[in-house]
Protein backbone atom coordinates (compact mmCIF):
# COMPACT_ATOMS: atom_id res chain seq x y z
CA UNK A 1 12.59 -26.04 28.42
CA UNK A 2 11.58 -29.14 30.33
CA UNK A 3 7.83 -28.68 30.79
CA UNK A 4 7.64 -31.31 33.54
CA UNK A 5 10.21 -29.48 35.68
CA UNK A 6 8.44 -26.20 34.96
CA UNK A 7 5.10 -27.43 36.30
CA UNK A 8 6.64 -29.21 39.25
CA UNK A 9 8.48 -26.02 40.20
CA UNK A 10 5.25 -24.06 39.86
CA UNK A 11 3.46 -26.41 42.23
CA UNK A 12 6.35 -26.35 44.71
CA UNK A 13 6.27 -22.56 44.79
CA UNK A 14 2.51 -22.55 45.37
CA UNK A 15 2.76 -25.17 48.11
CA UNK A 16 5.41 -23.04 49.81
CA UNK A 17 3.04 -20.07 49.85
CA UNK A 18 4.44 -18.31 46.79
CA UNK A 19 2.35 -16.66 44.10
CA UNK A 20 2.55 -18.25 40.67
CA UNK A 21 0.44 -19.80 37.93
CA UNK A 22 -0.07 -19.96 34.20
CA UNK A 23 -2.97 -19.08 31.93
CA UNK A 24 -4.02 -21.31 29.09
CA UNK A 25 -4.97 -19.99 25.64
CA UNK A 26 -7.89 -22.12 24.43
CA UNK A 27 -8.19 -20.95 20.85
CA UNK A 28 -7.29 -21.87 17.28
CA UNK A 29 -7.50 -18.23 16.16
CA UNK A 30 -4.15 -17.33 14.61
CA UNK A 31 -4.36 -13.69 15.70
CA UNK A 32 -4.98 -14.78 19.30
CA UNK A 33 -2.12 -17.30 19.30
CA UNK A 34 0.30 -14.75 17.81
CA UNK A 35 -0.74 -12.17 20.40
CA UNK A 36 -0.22 -14.71 23.20
CA UNK A 37 3.29 -15.41 21.98
CA UNK A 38 4.13 -11.71 21.83
CA UNK A 39 3.00 -11.25 25.46
CA UNK A 40 4.88 -14.36 26.62
CA UNK A 41 8.04 -13.23 24.85
CA UNK A 42 7.80 -9.79 26.41
CA UNK A 43 7.34 -11.25 29.89
CA UNK A 44 9.82 -14.14 29.49
CA UNK A 45 7.62 -17.12 30.25
CA UNK A 46 6.25 -20.08 28.26
CA UNK A 47 2.91 -19.98 26.50
CA UNK A 48 0.33 -22.71 27.08
CA UNK A 49 -1.97 -23.27 24.09
CA UNK A 50 -4.76 -25.85 24.22
CA UNK A 51 -7.21 -27.43 21.83
CA UNK A 52 -10.38 -29.27 22.82
CA UNK A 53 -11.70 -32.69 21.88
CA UNK A 54 -14.44 -31.09 19.76
CA UNK A 55 -12.14 -28.60 18.10
CA UNK A 56 -9.24 -30.91 17.18
CA UNK A 57 -9.53 -34.69 16.98
CA UNK A 58 -8.70 -37.69 14.79
CA UNK A 59 -11.62 -36.81 12.51
CA UNK A 60 -10.65 -33.13 12.17
CA UNK A 61 -13.12 -31.61 14.64
CA UNK A 62 -14.83 -28.33 13.88
CA UNK A 63 -11.48 -26.70 13.05
CA UNK A 64 -10.80 -29.38 10.43
CA UNK A 65 -7.49 -30.11 12.15
CA UNK A 66 -6.06 -33.25 13.68
CA UNK A 67 -3.63 -32.82 16.60
CA UNK A 68 -0.56 -32.86 14.36
CA UNK A 69 -2.15 -30.17 12.15
CA UNK A 70 -2.83 -27.94 15.16
CA UNK A 71 0.74 -28.48 16.36
CA UNK A 72 2.13 -27.53 12.96
CA UNK A 73 -0.05 -24.42 12.82
CA UNK A 74 1.21 -23.29 16.23
CA UNK A 75 4.81 -23.96 15.23
CA UNK A 76 4.33 -21.93 12.05
CA UNK A 77 3.00 -18.98 14.05
CA UNK A 78 5.91 -19.28 16.50
CA UNK A 79 8.35 -19.10 13.60
CA UNK A 80 6.66 -15.97 12.27
CA UNK A 81 6.70 -14.41 15.74
CA UNK A 82 10.34 -15.36 16.39
CA UNK A 83 9.15 -17.26 19.43
CA UNK A 84 11.03 -20.38 20.50
CA UNK A 85 9.07 -23.59 20.09
CA UNK A 86 10.84 -24.77 23.24
CA UNK A 87 8.70 -22.24 25.09
CA UNK A 88 5.41 -23.52 23.63
CA UNK A 89 3.45 -26.05 25.68
CA UNK A 90 0.57 -27.75 23.90
CA UNK A 91 -2.38 -29.01 25.90
CA UNK A 92 -5.36 -31.20 25.10
CA UNK A 93 -8.58 -30.14 26.83
CA UNK A 94 -11.48 -32.46 27.80
CA UNK A 95 -9.87 -35.44 26.11
CA UNK A 96 -12.37 -38.24 26.40
CA UNK A 97 -15.64 -39.47 24.91
CA UNK A 98 -17.58 -36.19 24.84
CA UNK A 99 -17.71 -35.85 21.00
CA UNK A 100 -19.21 -39.36 20.79
CA UNK A 101 -21.32 -39.44 23.95
CA UNK A 102 -24.49 -40.49 22.09
CA UNK A 103 -22.76 -43.68 20.92
CA UNK A 104 -22.39 -46.88 22.92
CA UNK A 105 -19.82 -46.81 25.69
CA UNK A 106 -17.64 -49.32 23.82
CA UNK A 107 -17.61 -47.22 20.64
CA UNK A 108 -17.17 -43.88 22.43
CA UNK A 109 -14.30 -45.12 24.59
CA UNK A 110 -12.46 -46.72 21.66
CA UNK A 111 -12.58 -43.36 19.91
CA UNK A 112 -11.36 -41.71 23.13
CA UNK A 113 -8.31 -43.97 23.13
CA UNK A 114 -7.57 -43.11 19.49
CA UNK A 115 -8.02 -39.43 20.36
CA UNK A 116 -5.48 -39.40 23.19
CA UNK A 117 -3.02 -41.46 21.12
CA UNK A 118 -3.03 -38.80 18.41
CA UNK A 119 -2.54 -36.00 20.94
CA UNK A 120 0.43 -37.73 22.59
CA UNK A 121 1.92 -38.68 19.21
CA UNK A 122 1.74 -35.02 18.15
CA UNK A 123 3.82 -33.97 21.15
CA UNK A 124 1.14 -32.52 23.42
CA UNK A 125 2.50 -32.26 26.97
CA UNK A 126 -0.54 -31.37 29.07
CA UNK A 127 -3.44 -33.80 28.93
CA UNK A 128 -6.78 -33.04 30.60
CA UNK A 129 -8.68 -36.33 30.83
CA UNK A 130 -12.45 -35.89 31.03
CA UNK A 131 -14.62 -39.02 31.16
CA UNK A 132 -17.40 -37.42 33.19
CA UNK A 133 -20.31 -37.67 30.74
CA UNK A 134 -23.01 -40.30 30.30
CA UNK A 135 -22.53 -42.41 27.19
CA UNK A 136 -25.21 -43.92 25.00
CA UNK A 137 -25.83 -47.10 27.00
CA UNK A 138 -24.86 -45.82 30.47
CA UNK A 139 -27.33 -45.92 33.32
CA UNK A 140 -27.25 -42.74 35.40
CA UNK A 141 -26.78 -42.76 39.14
CA UNK A 142 -29.15 -40.94 41.47
CA UNK A 143 -27.72 -37.60 40.41
CA UNK A 144 -28.30 -38.19 36.71
CA UNK A 145 -24.59 -38.70 36.06
CA UNK A 146 -22.29 -41.69 35.50
CA UNK A 147 -21.20 -43.57 38.58
CA UNK A 148 -18.06 -41.85 40.02
CA UNK A 149 -16.24 -45.17 39.98
CA UNK A 150 -16.98 -45.56 36.28
CA UNK A 151 -15.60 -42.07 35.64
CA UNK A 152 -12.40 -42.91 37.57
CA UNK A 153 -12.07 -46.26 35.76
CA UNK A 154 -12.40 -44.60 32.34
CA UNK A 155 -10.02 -41.80 33.36
CA UNK A 156 -7.36 -44.33 34.33
CA UNK A 157 -7.92 -46.35 31.14
CA UNK A 158 -7.43 -43.24 28.98
CA UNK A 159 -4.27 -42.42 30.93
CA UNK A 160 -2.99 -45.97 30.43
CA UNK A 161 -3.45 -45.53 26.68
CA UNK A 162 -1.62 -42.20 26.75
CA UNK A 163 1.29 -43.65 28.72
CA UNK A 164 1.67 -46.58 26.33
CA UNK A 165 1.61 -44.23 23.34
CA UNK A 166 4.24 -42.01 24.95
CA UNK A 167 6.65 -44.94 25.21
CA UNK A 168 6.30 -45.41 21.44
CA UNK A 169 6.68 -41.66 20.88
CA UNK A 170 9.87 -41.48 22.94
CA UNK A 171 11.53 -44.18 20.81
CA UNK A 172 11.51 -41.67 17.93
CA UNK A 173 12.00 -38.65 20.19
CA UNK A 174 14.62 -39.63 22.79
CA UNK A 175 14.95 -37.23 25.69
CA UNK A 176 11.33 -36.10 25.55
CA UNK A 177 9.70 -35.78 28.97
CA UNK A 178 6.34 -37.50 29.58
CA UNK A 179 3.02 -35.62 29.69
CA UNK A 180 1.42 -34.17 32.78
CA UNK A 181 -2.23 -34.87 33.52
CA UNK A 182 -5.24 -32.94 34.75
CA UNK A 183 -8.31 -34.80 36.01
CA UNK A 184 -11.88 -33.83 36.83
CA UNK A 185 -14.38 -31.66 35.05
CA UNK A 186 -16.56 -28.62 35.59
CA UNK A 187 -19.96 -27.27 34.65
CA UNK A 188 -20.63 -26.64 31.79
CA UNK A 189 -19.40 -29.20 29.28
CA UNK A 190 -16.83 -28.16 26.64
CA UNK A 191 -18.24 -25.65 24.16
CA UNK A 192 -20.10 -23.44 26.60
CA UNK A 193 -23.45 -23.21 28.33
CA UNK A 194 -26.94 -23.06 26.94
CA UNK A 195 -28.35 -19.66 27.91
CA UNK A 196 -31.67 -21.23 28.87
CA UNK A 197 -30.08 -23.62 31.37
CA UNK A 198 -27.69 -21.38 33.28
CA UNK A 199 -28.35 -21.11 36.99
CA UNK A 200 -28.53 -17.88 38.95
CA UNK A 201 -24.96 -18.62 39.95
CA UNK A 202 -22.70 -21.60 39.19
CA UNK A 203 -22.58 -24.39 41.76
CA UNK A 204 -19.24 -24.36 43.58
CA UNK A 205 -17.45 -27.70 43.80
CA UNK A 206 -18.04 -29.41 47.12
CA UNK A 207 -15.04 -30.53 49.13
CA UNK A 208 -16.55 -34.02 49.30
CA UNK A 209 -16.79 -34.21 45.49
CA UNK A 210 -13.21 -32.97 45.12
CA UNK A 211 -11.94 -35.59 47.59
CA UNK A 212 -13.95 -38.33 45.88
CA UNK A 213 -12.46 -37.44 42.47
CA UNK A 214 -8.91 -37.53 43.83
CA UNK A 215 -9.32 -40.68 45.91
CA UNK A 216 -11.11 -42.73 43.25
CA UNK A 217 -8.71 -41.71 40.50
CA UNK A 218 -5.74 -42.52 42.71
CA UNK A 219 -7.28 -45.93 43.43
CA UNK A 220 -7.83 -46.78 39.77
CA UNK A 221 -4.46 -45.42 38.68
CA UNK A 222 -2.96 -47.86 41.19
CA UNK A 223 -5.09 -50.72 39.82
CA UNK A 224 -3.87 -49.90 36.31
CA UNK A 225 -0.24 -49.81 37.57
CA UNK A 226 -0.03 -46.10 36.85
CA UNK A 227 1.65 -45.02 40.09
CA UNK A 228 4.39 -43.16 38.22
CA UNK A 229 1.82 -41.41 36.01
CA UNK A 230 -0.14 -40.42 39.12
CA UNK A 231 2.92 -38.46 40.23
CA UNK A 232 2.40 -36.41 37.06
CA UNK A 233 -1.22 -35.58 37.82
CA UNK A 234 -0.74 -31.90 38.64
CA UNK A 235 -4.24 -30.45 38.83
CA UNK A 236 -7.92 -31.11 39.37
CA UNK A 237 -10.61 -29.11 37.57
CA UNK A 238 -12.97 -27.42 40.02
CA UNK A 239 -15.78 -24.89 39.75
CA UNK A 240 -15.09 -21.98 42.13
CA UNK A 241 -18.20 -20.09 41.00
CA UNK A 242 -16.96 -18.38 37.82
CA UNK A 243 -18.92 -18.48 34.59
CA UNK A 244 -20.42 -16.28 31.90
CA UNK A 245 -23.56 -16.38 29.81
CA UNK A 246 -24.37 -14.40 26.69
CA UNK A 247 -24.85 -11.17 28.63
CA UNK A 248 -23.74 -11.81 32.22
CA UNK A 249 -20.49 -12.56 34.02
CA UNK A 250 -20.47 -14.43 37.32
CA UNK A 251 -17.53 -12.93 39.18
CA UNK A 252 -15.37 -14.90 41.58
CA UNK A 253 -16.47 -14.30 45.17
CA UNK A 254 -14.45 -15.56 48.10
CA UNK A 255 -16.67 -17.35 50.60
CA UNK A 256 -16.52 -20.24 53.05
CA UNK A 257 -17.01 -22.82 50.27
CA UNK A 258 -13.96 -21.68 48.34
CA UNK A 259 -12.04 -21.33 51.59
CA UNK A 260 -12.86 -24.96 52.38
CA UNK A 261 -11.62 -26.06 48.94
CA UNK A 262 -8.40 -24.11 49.43
CA UNK A 263 -7.90 -25.71 52.85
CA UNK A 264 -8.45 -29.21 51.46
CA UNK A 265 -5.94 -28.57 48.66
CA UNK A 266 -3.21 -28.13 51.28
CA UNK A 267 -3.22 -31.90 51.81
CA UNK A 268 -2.54 -32.76 48.17
CA UNK A 269 0.41 -32.13 45.88
CA UNK A 270 -1.99 -30.66 43.34
CA UNK A 271 -3.39 -27.31 42.23
CA UNK A 272 -6.75 -26.29 40.84
CA UNK A 273 -7.49 -25.81 37.16
CA UNK A 274 -10.21 -23.23 36.59
CA UNK A 275 -12.17 -23.11 33.34
CA UNK A 276 -14.34 -20.29 31.94
CA UNK A 277 -12.37 -17.50 33.59
CA UNK A 278 -13.19 -15.26 30.61
CA UNK A 279 -14.34 -11.70 31.44
CA UNK A 280 -13.36 -11.97 35.11
CA UNK A 281 -12.04 -8.79 36.67
CA UNK A 282 -8.26 -8.76 37.00
CA UNK A 283 -8.59 -8.63 40.79
CA UNK A 284 -10.77 -11.75 40.69
CA UNK A 285 -8.26 -13.55 38.50
CA UNK A 286 -5.49 -12.79 40.96
CA UNK A 287 -7.62 -13.98 43.87
CA UNK A 288 -8.25 -17.26 42.03
CA UNK A 289 -4.49 -17.78 41.80
CA UNK A 290 -4.07 -16.84 45.46
CA UNK A 291 -6.75 -19.37 46.38
CA UNK A 292 -5.14 -22.36 44.71
CA UNK A 293 -5.67 -22.09 40.95
CA UNK A 294 -2.49 -22.92 39.06
CA UNK A 295 -4.15 -22.95 35.64
CA UNK A 296 -6.59 -20.31 34.35
CA UNK A 297 -8.38 -21.15 31.11
CA UNK A 298 -9.36 -18.34 28.72
CA UNK A 299 -10.69 -18.48 25.16
CA UNK A 300 -13.93 -16.73 24.15
CA UNK A 301 -12.87 -13.44 25.79
CA UNK A 302 -9.86 -13.33 23.46
CA UNK A 303 -11.81 -14.02 20.27
CA UNK A 304 -14.49 -11.59 21.52
CA UNK A 305 -11.75 -8.94 21.64
CA UNK A 306 -10.60 -9.98 18.17
CA UNK A 307 -14.16 -9.54 16.86
CA UNK A 308 -14.43 -6.13 18.53
CA UNK A 309 -11.23 -4.99 16.83
CA UNK A 310 -12.33 -6.26 13.42
CA UNK A 311 -15.75 -4.58 13.69
CA UNK A 312 -14.17 -1.28 14.79
CA UNK A 313 -11.85 -1.46 11.79
CA UNK A 314 -14.82 -2.15 9.54
CA UNK A 315 -16.45 1.09 10.72
CA UNK A 316 -13.23 2.90 9.88
CA UNK A 317 -13.15 1.12 6.53
CA UNK A 318 -16.67 2.37 5.69
CA UNK A 319 -15.65 5.96 6.38
CA UNK A 320 -12.56 5.57 4.22
CA UNK A 321 -14.77 4.22 1.43
CA UNK A 322 -16.93 7.34 1.73
CA UNK A 323 -13.79 9.46 1.49
CA UNK A 324 -12.77 7.52 -1.64
CA UNK A 325 -9.46 6.59 0.00
CA UNK A 326 -10.14 2.91 -0.59
CA UNK A 327 -12.29 1.41 -3.28
CA UNK A 328 -13.82 -1.75 -1.84
CA UNK A 329 -15.82 -2.32 1.33
CA UNK A 330 -15.04 -5.76 2.76
CA UNK A 331 -18.57 -5.95 4.25
CA UNK A 332 -17.07 -8.16 6.94
CA UNK A 333 -19.84 -7.43 9.47
CA UNK A 334 -22.59 -8.38 7.04
CA UNK A 335 -20.71 -11.39 5.66
CA UNK A 336 -20.05 -12.79 9.12
CA UNK A 337 -23.67 -12.38 10.20
CA UNK A 338 -25.06 -13.92 7.01
CA UNK A 339 -22.67 -16.86 7.24
CA UNK A 340 -23.77 -17.52 10.82
CA UNK A 341 -27.45 -17.26 9.90
CA UNK A 342 -26.99 -19.64 6.97
CA UNK A 343 -25.00 -22.14 9.07
CA UNK A 344 -26.55 -22.31 12.51
CA UNK A 345 -24.93 -25.55 13.76
CA UNK A 346 -22.55 -23.71 16.10
CA UNK A 347 -25.06 -21.42 17.80
CA UNK A 348 -28.62 -22.77 17.50
CA UNK A 349 -28.40 -24.63 20.81
CA UNK A 350 -26.96 -21.60 22.61
CA UNK A 351 -29.09 -18.63 21.50
CA UNK A 352 -32.83 -18.37 22.08
CA UNK A 353 -35.47 -15.70 21.54
CA UNK A 354 -36.94 -14.06 18.48
CA UNK A 355 -35.02 -13.29 15.29
CA UNK A 356 -33.87 -9.87 16.53
CA UNK A 357 -32.59 -11.29 19.81
CA UNK A 358 -30.72 -14.03 18.00
CA UNK A 359 -29.10 -11.51 15.65
CA UNK A 360 -28.09 -9.46 18.67
CA UNK A 361 -26.42 -12.46 20.32
CA UNK A 362 -24.75 -13.45 17.05
CA UNK A 363 -22.90 -10.14 17.14
CA UNK A 364 -22.48 -9.41 20.81
CA UNK A 365 -22.99 -12.58 22.87
CA UNK A 366 -20.19 -13.07 25.40
CA UNK A 367 -20.09 -16.76 24.50
CA UNK A 368 -18.73 -15.53 21.14
CA UNK A 369 -20.06 -18.18 18.82
CA UNK A 370 -18.48 -16.06 16.06
CA UNK A 371 -15.22 -17.84 16.82
CA UNK A 372 -16.42 -20.90 14.92
CA UNK A 373 -16.89 -18.99 11.66
CA UNK A 374 -13.68 -17.08 10.94
CA UNK A 375 -12.32 -19.96 8.85
CA UNK A 376 -15.42 -20.21 6.64
CA UNK A 377 -14.17 -19.31 3.16
CA UNK A 378 -16.49 -16.35 2.59
CA UNK A 379 -15.66 -14.85 6.01
CA UNK A 380 -11.95 -15.43 5.55
CA UNK A 381 -12.02 -13.82 2.10
CA UNK A 382 -13.87 -10.81 3.46
CA UNK A 383 -11.39 -10.44 6.32
CA UNK A 384 -8.53 -10.62 3.81
CA UNK A 385 -10.08 -7.69 1.92
CA UNK A 386 -10.29 -5.67 5.13
CA UNK A 387 -6.66 -6.34 6.03
CA UNK A 388 -5.50 -5.61 2.48
CA UNK A 389 -7.36 -2.31 2.44
CA UNK A 390 -5.49 -1.14 5.52
CA UNK A 391 -2.18 -2.34 4.16
CA UNK A 392 -2.73 -0.04 1.18
CA UNK A 393 -3.46 3.15 3.13
CA UNK A 394 -2.68 4.89 6.41
CA UNK A 395 -5.41 4.88 9.05
CA UNK A 396 -6.25 8.50 10.00
CA UNK A 397 -5.80 9.23 13.71
CA UNK A 398 -9.22 10.93 14.04
CA UNK A 399 -10.92 7.70 12.95
CA UNK A 400 -8.83 5.65 15.36
CA UNK A 401 -9.85 8.07 18.11
CA UNK A 402 -13.52 7.69 17.15
CA UNK A 403 -13.69 3.91 16.99
CA UNK A 404 -10.67 2.68 18.98
CA UNK A 405 -10.13 5.33 21.68
CA UNK A 406 -7.91 3.26 23.98
CA UNK A 407 -5.61 2.38 21.11
CA UNK A 408 -5.61 6.04 20.05
CA UNK A 409 -4.24 7.04 23.46
CA UNK A 410 -1.59 4.35 23.26
CA UNK A 411 -0.55 5.56 19.80
CA UNK A 412 -0.29 9.13 21.08
CA UNK A 413 1.79 7.92 24.03
CA UNK A 414 4.21 6.20 21.66
CA UNK A 415 3.32 2.69 22.81
CA UNK A 416 1.54 1.43 19.69
CA UNK A 417 1.97 1.66 15.94
CA UNK A 418 -1.20 2.65 14.03
CA UNK A 419 -1.14 -0.38 11.72
CA UNK A 420 -4.09 -2.72 11.26
CA UNK A 421 -2.27 -5.77 12.64
CA UNK A 422 -1.00 -3.90 15.69
CA UNK A 423 -4.45 -2.48 16.46
CA UNK A 424 -5.99 -5.95 16.39
CA UNK A 425 -3.17 -7.40 18.47
CA UNK A 426 -3.48 -4.67 21.08
CA UNK A 427 -7.17 -5.42 21.59
CA UNK A 428 -6.29 -9.06 22.34
CA UNK A 429 -3.18 -8.33 24.39
CA UNK A 430 -5.06 -6.04 26.73
CA UNK A 431 -7.17 -9.02 27.84
CA UNK A 432 -4.01 -11.02 28.44
CA UNK A 433 -2.57 -8.22 30.58
CA UNK A 434 -5.26 -9.06 33.16
CA UNK A 435 -3.93 -12.62 33.25
CA UNK A 436 -0.35 -11.39 33.47
CA UNK A 437 -1.42 -9.37 36.51
CA UNK A 438 -3.09 -12.45 37.98
CA UNK A 439 -0.03 -14.72 37.76
CA UNK A 440 2.72 -12.16 38.39
CA UNK A 441 4.72 -12.51 41.59
CA UNK A 442 4.48 -8.76 42.15
CA UNK A 443 1.29 -6.77 41.79
CA UNK A 444 1.43 -4.08 39.14
CA UNK A 445 -0.90 -1.86 37.22
CA UNK A 446 -0.82 -1.57 33.43
CA UNK A 447 -0.54 1.87 31.93
CA UNK A 448 -2.45 2.94 28.83
């Protein structure tokens, strides 16, 4: 599959008034990626999987993976799932200086160039360039942000680096099509919001800001002799008013501000990219696509569903221990919580309150900071025990009914096998069904 033709066709359909789009899986969770491939295979479309600058970079990121490592992991999962790697599109999210924003601008930008080189060299085809943050020696403008011209200059410079690297990459990979680009950013920064700083509702992107982003980036792309690359800029990140905190979801609401953005988009051969669409109602997701979004980003909602499935299985596991049907309790709930309490670097800036409130958010916060801990050795070992326990015994239907009632109904209707892996996958896939509804040409309703 030629990814460039795919995205150009998608934009052409949208510009002609058709209904189409793609959702992006922003996760390194192997269960989530495998579930995404199973849904894509069933519905005969490619799967877009993205990693962020903090998650995967030249220093390993918090996932301890460089871009080539992430690519190889995804390819390995595709092989296991019998899913064609030709149908996998890899994307890099927020590629820019964000991981090094406290350093000097010279140091941070040099690392940004190395970052995008590694992504392009690893075969990533969708590059979101984000140079919107203040760096260590930057002087803010009146709005407390970098000067828009500086952002556009840095965006073009990162793109220039990516284009040069692609020419080297194509020498060893003849026939490969060049990457597409996404520009702009949204609130909050990559990684999620701080619960203390969230507004009553997210600020919707102003038409004037959208136009400024497009016009300045086009100007600097021209100055950097990137006219051909500009033709491969397919989307601009905007904030249409969707967000979530630890306990609340800000649903998409059509109003005159979003209508104005949609109207302005008619004059550009671009679509919107919408981040933080997690937990949106399926109707809202479809309206986002109708109103100009070609890309819908989702991540924490999928790992939140994964955690829900694992914790439900742990409750079943405890009952089976009491029945003496299995001998060892994985203690996955307790191990995960203790690991998070002992290693607070991934949640301390996001959860506030007393100890009880923090423990509550550790388990149930919609921002799902749990997603950073599944690869910790003690958590991984505990999860392996849980999965092994269920491989060694059948899961009684009454316990599935008690703790996983939706999956119970699907088992009874002959649509799901009562295995541990399939139960976990179904939890995740049911979130993706909302996104399938959002991008589908024809409206449909999923049956249980």
